[in-house]
Amino acid sequence: MVEQLSASVDAVDLHEAMASAAAGFDFPFFAYFTYPSASGDTPRLISNYPSSWTSHYLQLRYHSVD
């Protein structure tokens, strides 16, 4: 898992590595969130949750609570 994460070069690689790691622990879903570096930028969410949920999550700013 660590090797696969370390070898990730973009969001697609990171998504695949994290999905594989989560599945290894019998977790069907994962979410990785980063706050934007500049004010007004969009938060970054890499996840395999359904897009309807991630849109809802970001729209309601649940990331500020998590």
PDB file of N, CA and C in Angstrom:
ATOM      1  N   MET A   1       0.825  -1.182   0.000  1.00  0.00           N
ATOM      2  CA  MET A   1       0.000   0.000   0.000  1.00  0.00           C
ATOM      3  C   MET A   1       0.868   1.244   0.000  1.00  0.00           C
ATOM      4  N   VAL A   2       1.868   1.295   0.851  1.00  0.00           N
ATOM      5  CA  VAL A   2       2.731   2.467   0.932  1.00  0.00           C
ATOM      6  C   VAL A   2       3.484   2.666  -0.377  1.00  0.00           C
ATOM      7  N   GLU A   3       3.947   1.581  -0.966  1.00  0.00           N
ATOM      8  CA  GLU A   3       4.663   1.682  -2.242  1.00  0.00           C
ATOM      9  C   GLU A   3       3.760   2.227  -3.334  1.00  0.00           C
ATOM     10  N   GLN A   4       2.525   1.741  -3.393  1.00  0.00           N
ATOM     11  CA  GLN A   4       1.594   2.192  -4.408  1.00  0.00           C
ATOM     12  C   GLN A   4       1.251   3.677  -4.203  1.00  0.00           C
ATOM     13  N   LEU A   5       1.075   4.081  -2.960  1.00  0.00           N
ATOM     14  CA  LEU A   5       0.804   5.493  -2.680  1.00  0.00           C
ATOM     15  C   LEU A   5       2.005   6.360  -3.027  1.00  0.00           C
ATOM     16  N   SER A   6       3.191   5.896  -2.695  1.00  0.00           N
ATOM     17  CA  SER A   6       4.411   6.647  -2.983  1.00  0.00           C
ATOM     18  C   SER A   6       4.662   6.796  -4.475  1.00  0.00           C
ATOM     19  N   ALA A   7       4.241   5.795  -5.235  1.00  0.00           N
ATOM     20  CA  ALA A   7       4.454   5.819  -6.681  1.00  0.00           C
ATOM     21  C   ALA A   7       3.396   6.644  -7.419  1.00  0.00           C
ATOM     22  N   SER A   8       2.398   7.106  -6.725  1.00  0.00           N
ATOM     23  CA  SER A   8       1.327   7.889  -7.360  1.00  0.00           C
ATOM     24  C   SER A   8       1.887   9.216  -7.877  1.00  0.00           C
ATOM     25  N   VAL A   9       1.570   9.514  -9.135  1.00  0.00           N
ATOM     26  CA  VAL A   9       2.069  10.750  -9.742  1.00  0.00           C
ATOM     27  C   VAL A   9       0.956  11.748 -10.060  1.00  0.00           C
ATOM     28  N   ASP A  10      -0.288  11.296  -9.946  1.00  0.00           N
ATOM     29  CA  ASP A  10      -1.404  12.196 -10.216  1.00  0.00           C
ATOM     30  C   ASP A  10      -2.634  11.731  -9.445  1.00  0.00           C
ATOM     31  N   ALA A  11      -3.730  12.462  -9.599  1.00  0.00           N
ATOM     32  CA  ALA A  11      -4.954  12.160  -8.855  1.00  0.00           C
ATOM     33  C   ALA A  11      -5.520  10.792  -9.219  1.00  0.00           C
ATOM     34  N   VAL A  12      -5.363  10.382 -10.468  1.00  0.00           N
ATOM     35  CA  VAL A  12      -5.874   9.071 -10.892  1.00  0.00           C
ATOM     36  C   VAL A  12      -5.104   7.957 -10.181  1.00  0.00           C
ATOM     37  N   ASP A  13      -3.775   8.067 -10.152  1.00  0.00           N
ATOM     38  CA  ASP A  13      -2.959   7.074  -9.442  1.00  0.00           C
ATOM     39  C   ASP A  13      -3.304   7.039  -7.961  1.00  0.00           C
ATOM     40  N   LEU A  14      -3.447   8.213  -7.364  1.00  0.00           N
ATOM     41  CA  LEU A  14      -3.771   8.286  -5.935  1.00  0.00           C
ATOM     42  C   LEU A  14      -5.140   7.670  -5.669  1.00  0.00           C
ATOM     43  N   HIS A  15      -6.099   7.936  -6.528  1.00  0.00           N
ATOM     44  CA  HIS A  15      -7.439   7.359  -6.405  1.00  0.00           C
ATOM     45  C   HIS A  15      -7.359   5.835  -6.423  1.00  0.00           C
ATOM     46  N   GLU A  16      -6.637   5.279  -7.372  1.00  0.00           N
ATOM     47  CA  GLU A  16      -6.516   3.826  -7.481  1.00  0.00           C
ATOM     48  C   GLU A  16      -5.816   3.231  -6.265  1.00  0.00           C
ATOM     49  N   ALA A  17      -4.755   3.878  -5.812  1.00  0.00           N
ATOM     50  CA  ALA A  17      -4.014   3.383  -4.650  1.00  0.00           C
ATOM     51  C   ALA A  17      -4.873   3.412  -3.390  1.00  0.00           C
ATOM     52  N   MET A  18      -5.602   4.489  -3.196  1.00  0.00           N
ATOM     53  CA  MET A  18      -6.428   4.608  -1.996  1.00  0.00           C
ATOM     54  C   MET A  18      -7.621   3.662  -2.043  1.00  0.00           C
ATOM     55  N   ALA A  19      -8.220   3.472  -3.217  1.00  0.00           N
ATOM     56  CA  ALA A  19      -9.336   2.527  -3.346  1.00  0.00           C
ATOM     57  C   ALA A  19      -8.855   1.112  -3.043  1.00  0.00           C
ATOM     58  N   SER A  20      -7.673   0.777  -3.528  1.00  0.00           N
ATOM     59  CA  SER A  20      -7.103  -0.549  -3.267  1.00  0.00           C
ATOM     60  C   SER A  20      -6.814  -0.742  -1.778  1.00  0.00           C
ATOM     61  N   ALA A  21      -6.246   0.277  -1.159  1.00  0.00           N
ATOM     62  CA  ALA A  21      -5.940   0.201   0.273  1.00  0.00           C
ATOM     63  C   ALA A  21      -7.214   0.079   1.100  1.00  0.00           C
ATOM     64  N   ALA A  22      -8.220   0.867   0.777  1.00  0.00           N
ATOM     65  CA  ALA A  22      -9.493   0.804   1.507  1.00  0.00           C
ATOM     66  C   ALA A  22     -10.126  -0.574   1.358  1.00  0.00           C
ATOM     67  N   ALA A  23     -10.116  -1.108   0.155  1.00  0.00           N
ATOM     68  CA  ALA A  23     -10.694  -2.432  -0.090  1.00  0.00           C
ATOM     69  C   ALA A  23      -9.951  -3.506   0.709  1.00  0.00           C
ATOM     70  N   GLY A  24      -8.660  -3.334   0.883  1.00  0.00           N
ATOM     71  CA  GLY A  24      -7.866  -4.273   1.669  1.00  0.00           C
ATOM     72  C   GLY A  24      -8.295  -4.340   3.128  1.00  0.00           C
ATOM     73  N   PHE A  25      -8.916  -3.277   3.602  1.00  0.00           N
ATOM     74  CA  PHE A  25      -9.427  -3.228   4.974  1.00  0.00           C
ATOM     75  C   PHE A  25     -10.938  -3.426   5.020  1.00  0.00           C
ATOM     76  N   ASP A  26     -11.501  -3.905   3.916  1.00  0.00           N
ATOM     77  CA  ASP A  26     -12.943  -4.139   3.783  1.00  0.00           C
ATOM     78  C   ASP A  26     -13.781  -2.869   3.906  1.00  0.00           C
ATOM     79  N   PHE A  27     -13.200  -1.741   3.495  1.00  0.00           N
ATOM     80  CA  PHE A  27     -13.951  -0.493   3.413  1.00  0.00           C
ATOM     81  C   PHE A  27     -14.333  -0.283   1.952  1.00  0.00           C
ATOM     82  N   PRO A  28     -15.617  -0.191   1.648  1.00  0.00           N
ATOM     83  CA  PRO A  28     -16.013  -0.041   0.246  1.00  0.00           C
ATOM     84  C   PRO A  28     -15.726   1.354  -0.315  1.00  0.00           C
ATOM     85  N   PHE A  29     -15.619   2.356   0.563  1.00  0.00           N
ATOM     86  CA  PHE A  29     -15.430   3.727   0.104  1.00  0.00           C
ATOM     87  C   PHE A  29     -14.278   4.397   0.839  1.00  0.00           C
ATOM     88  N   PHE A  30     -13.726   5.421   0.204  1.00  0.00           N
ATOM     89  CA  PHE A  30     -12.703   6.243   0.847  1.00  0.00           C
ATOM     90  C   PHE A  30     -12.914   7.678   0.385  1.00  0.00           C
ATOM     91  N   ALA A  31     -12.390   8.602   1.146  1.00  0.00           N
ATOM     92  CA  ALA A  31     -12.401  10.011   0.752  1.00  0.00           C
ATOM     93  C   ALA A  31     -11.121  10.654   1.271  1.00  0.00           C
ATOM     94  N   TYR A  32     -10.482  11.413   0.406  1.00  0.00           N
ATOM     95  CA  TYR A  32      -9.273  12.160   0.743  1.00  0.00           C
ATOM     96  C   TYR A  32      -9.546  13.608   0.395  1.00  0.00           C
ATOM     97  N   PHE A  33      -9.439  14.490   1.365  1.00  0.00           N
ATOM     98  CA  PHE A  33      -9.794  15.885   1.189  1.00  0.00           C
ATOM     99  C   PHE A  33      -8.615  16.776   1.518  1.00  0.00           C
ATOM    100  N   THR A  34      -8.402  17.806   0.709  1.00  0.00           N
ATOM    101  CA  THR A  34      -7.415  18.839   1.033  1.00  0.00           C
ATOM    102  C   THR A  34      -8.077  20.201   0.918  1.00  0.00           C
ATOM    103  N   TYR A  35      -7.728  21.077   1.829  1.00  0.00           N
ATOM    104  CA  TYR A  35      -8.211  22.440   1.749  1.00  0.00           C
ATOM    105  C   TYR A  35      -7.458  23.166   0.644  1.00  0.00           C
ATOM    106  N   PRO A  36      -8.093  24.133   0.016  1.00  0.00           N
ATOM    107  CA  PRO A  36      -7.407  24.884  -1.040  1.00  0.00           C
ATOM    108  C   PRO A  36      -6.273  25.716  -0.458  1.00  0.00           C
ATOM    109  N   SER A  37      -5.232  25.898  -1.255  1.00  0.00           N
ATOM    110  CA  SER A  37      -4.081  26.668  -0.777  1.00  0.00           C
ATOM    111  C   SER A  37      -4.335  28.172  -0.845  1.00  0.00           C
ATOM    112  N   ALA A  38      -5.246  28.591  -1.723  1.00  0.00           N
ATOM    113  CA  ALA A  38      -5.551  30.014  -1.837  1.00  0.00           C
ATOM    114  C   ALA A  38      -7.038  30.248  -1.566  1.00  0.00           C
ATOM    115  N   SER A  39      -7.332  31.350  -0.959  1.00  0.00           N
ATOM    116  CA  SER A  39      -8.716  31.693  -0.675  1.00  0.00           C
ATOM    117  C   SER A  39      -9.511  31.772  -1.976  1.00  0.00           C
ATOM    118  N   GLY A  40     -10.695  31.186  -1.973  1.00  0.00           N
ATOM    119  CA  GLY A  40     -11.529  31.195  -3.158  1.00  0.00           C
ATOM    120  C   GLY A  40     -11.342  30.000  -4.073  1.00  0.00           C
ATOM    121  N   ASP A  41     -10.257  29.243  -3.875  1.00  0.00           N
ATOM    122  CA  ASP A  41     -10.045  28.034  -4.675  1.00  0.00           C
ATOM    123  C   ASP A  41     -10.988  26.939  -4.200  1.00  0.00           C
ATOM    124  N   THR A  42     -11.247  25.987  -5.055  1.00  0.00           N
ATOM    125  CA  THR A  42     -12.128  24.873  -4.739  1.00  0.00           C
ATOM    126  C   THR A  42     -11.383  23.821  -3.922  1.00  0.00           C
ATOM    127  N   PRO A  43     -12.012  23.277  -2.871  1.00  0.00           N
ATOM    128  CA  PRO A  43     -11.393  22.173  -2.132  1.00  0.00           C
ATOM    129  C   PRO A  43     -11.175  20.981  -3.063  1.00  0.00           C
ATOM    130  N   ARG A  44     -10.194  20.162  -2.748  1.00  0.00           N
ATOM    131  CA  ARG A  44      -9.880  18.983  -3.560  1.00  0.00           C
ATOM    132  C   ARG A  44     -10.378  17.744  -2.831  1.00  0.00           C
ATOM    133  N   LEU A  45     -11.187  16.959  -3.491  1.00  0.00           N
ATOM    134  CA  LEU A  45     -11.720  15.735  -2.915  1.00  0.00           C
ATOM    135  C   LEU A  45     -11.461  14.596  -3.884  1.00  0.00           C
ATOM    136  N   ILE A  46     -10.704  13.612  -3.426  1.00  0.00           N
ATOM    137  CA  ILE A  46     -10.467  12.392  -4.196  1.00  0.00           C
ATOM    138  C   ILE A  46     -11.192  11.290  -3.444  1.00  0.00           C
ATOM    139  N   SER A  47     -12.147  10.653  -4.115  1.00  0.00           N
ATOM    140  CA  SER A  47     -13.038   9.735  -3.427  1.00  0.00           C
ATOM    141  C   SER A  47     -13.671   8.761  -4.408  1.00  0.00           C
ATOM    142  N   ASN A  48     -14.151   7.656  -3.864  1.00  0.00           N
ATOM    143  CA  ASN A  48     -14.941   6.748  -4.691  1.00  0.00           C
ATOM    144  C   ASN A  48     -16.400   6.697  -4.207  1.00  0.00           C
ATOM    145  N   TYR A  49     -16.789   7.680  -3.405  1.00  0.00           N
ATOM    146  CA  TYR A  49     -18.198   7.832  -3.058  1.00  0.00           C
ATOM    147  C   TYR A  49     -18.952   8.259  -4.321  1.00  0.00           C
ATOM    148  N   PRO A  50     -20.240   8.014  -4.397  1.00  0.00           N
ATOM    149  CA  PRO A  50     -21.012   8.457  -5.562  1.00  0.00           C
ATOM    150  C   PRO A  50     -20.904   9.979  -5.736  1.00  0.00           C
ATOM    151  N   SER A  51     -20.833  10.426  -6.983  1.00  0.00           N
ATOM    152  CA  SER A  51     -20.676  11.859  -7.247  1.00  0.00           C
ATOM    153  C   SER A  51     -21.830  12.683  -6.680  1.00  0.00           C
ATOM    154  N   SER A  52     -23.024  12.101  -6.606  1.00  0.00           N
ATOM    155  CA  SER A  52     -24.144  12.840  -6.017  1.00  0.00           C
ATOM    156  C   SER A  52     -23.870  13.156  -4.543  1.00  0.00           C
ATOM    157  N   TRP A  53     -23.225  12.224  -3.842  1.00  0.00           N
ATOM    158  CA  TRP A  53     -22.912  12.467  -2.437  1.00  0.00           C
ATOM    159  C   TRP A  53     -21.765  13.458  -2.294  1.00  0.00           C
ATOM    160  N   THR A  54     -20.707  13.326  -3.088  1.00  0.00           N
ATOM    161  CA  THR A  54     -19.574  14.243  -2.947  1.00  0.00           C
ATOM    162  C   THR A  54     -19.984  15.672  -3.295  1.00  0.00           C
ATOM    163  N   SER A  55     -20.859  15.842  -4.268  1.00  0.00           N
ATOM    164  CA  SER A  55     -21.367  17.184  -4.591  1.00  0.00           C
ATOM    165  C   SER A  55     -22.138  17.758  -3.407  1.00  0.00           C
ATOM    166  N   HIS A  56     -22.985  16.946  -2.818  1.00  0.00           N
ATOM    167  CA  HIS A  56     -23.762  17.335  -1.637  1.00  0.00           C
ATOM    168  C   HIS A  56     -22.827  17.679  -0.473  1.00  0.00           C
ATOM    169  N   TYR A  57     -21.833  16.849  -0.248  1.00  0.00           N
ATOM    170  CA  TYR A  57     -20.847  17.022   0.819  1.00  0.00           C
ATOM    171  C   TYR A  57     -20.141  18.376   0.690  1.00  0.00           C
ATOM    172  N   LEU A  58     -19.660  18.672  -0.506  1.00  0.00           N
ATOM    173  CA  LEU A  58     -18.936  19.927  -0.711  1.00  0.00           C
ATOM    174  C   LEU A  58     -19.879  21.129  -0.667  1.00  0.00           C
ATOM    175  N   GLN A  59     -21.054  20.989  -1.250  1.00  0.00           N
ATOM    176  CA  GLN A  59     -22.002  22.098  -1.277  1.00  0.00           C
ATOM    177  C   GLN A  59     -22.425  22.518   0.123  1.00  0.00           C
ATOM    178  N   LEU A  60     -22.612  21.549   0.997  1.00  0.00           N
ATOM    179  CA  LEU A  60     -23.014  21.854   2.366  1.00  0.00           C
ATOM    180  C   LEU A  60     -21.822  22.074   3.311  1.00  0.00           C
ATOM    181  N   ARG A  61     -20.624  22.052   2.726  1.00  0.00           N
ATOM    182  CA  ARG A  61     -19.377  22.352   3.455  1.00  0.00           C
ATOM    183  C   ARG A  61     -19.146  21.416   4.643  1.00  0.00           C
ATOM    184  N   TYR A  62     -19.526  20.169   4.485  1.00  0.00           N
ATOM    185  CA  TYR A  62     -19.291  19.184   5.548  1.00  0.00           C
ATOM    186  C   TYR A  62     -17.800  19.030   5.852  1.00  0.00           C
ATOM    187  N   HIS A  63     -16.962  19.326   4.883  1.00  0.00           N
ATOM    188  CA  HIS A  63     -15.525  19.212   5.104  1.00  0.00           C
ATOM    189  C   HIS A  63     -15.054  20.135   6.226  1.00  0.00           C
ATOM    190  N   SER A  64     -15.762  21.232   6.454  1.00  0.00           N
ATOM    191  CA  SER A  64     -15.355  22.135   7.531  1.00  0.00           C
ATOM    192  C   SER A  64     -15.664  21.541   8.907  1.00  0.00           C
ATOM    193  N   VAL A  65     -16.535  20.556   8.952  1.00  0.00           N
ATOM    194  CA  VAL A  65     -16.866  19.870  10.213  1.00  0.00           C
ATOM    195  C   VAL A  65     -15.976  18.646  10.405  1.00  0.00           C
ATOM    196  N   ASP A  66     -15.742  17.923   9.314  1.00  0.00           N
ATOM    197  CA  ASP A  66     -14.891  16.737   9.399  1.00  0.00           C
ATOM    198  C   ASP A  66     -13.490  17.150   9.722  1.00  0.00           C
TER     199      ASP A  66
END
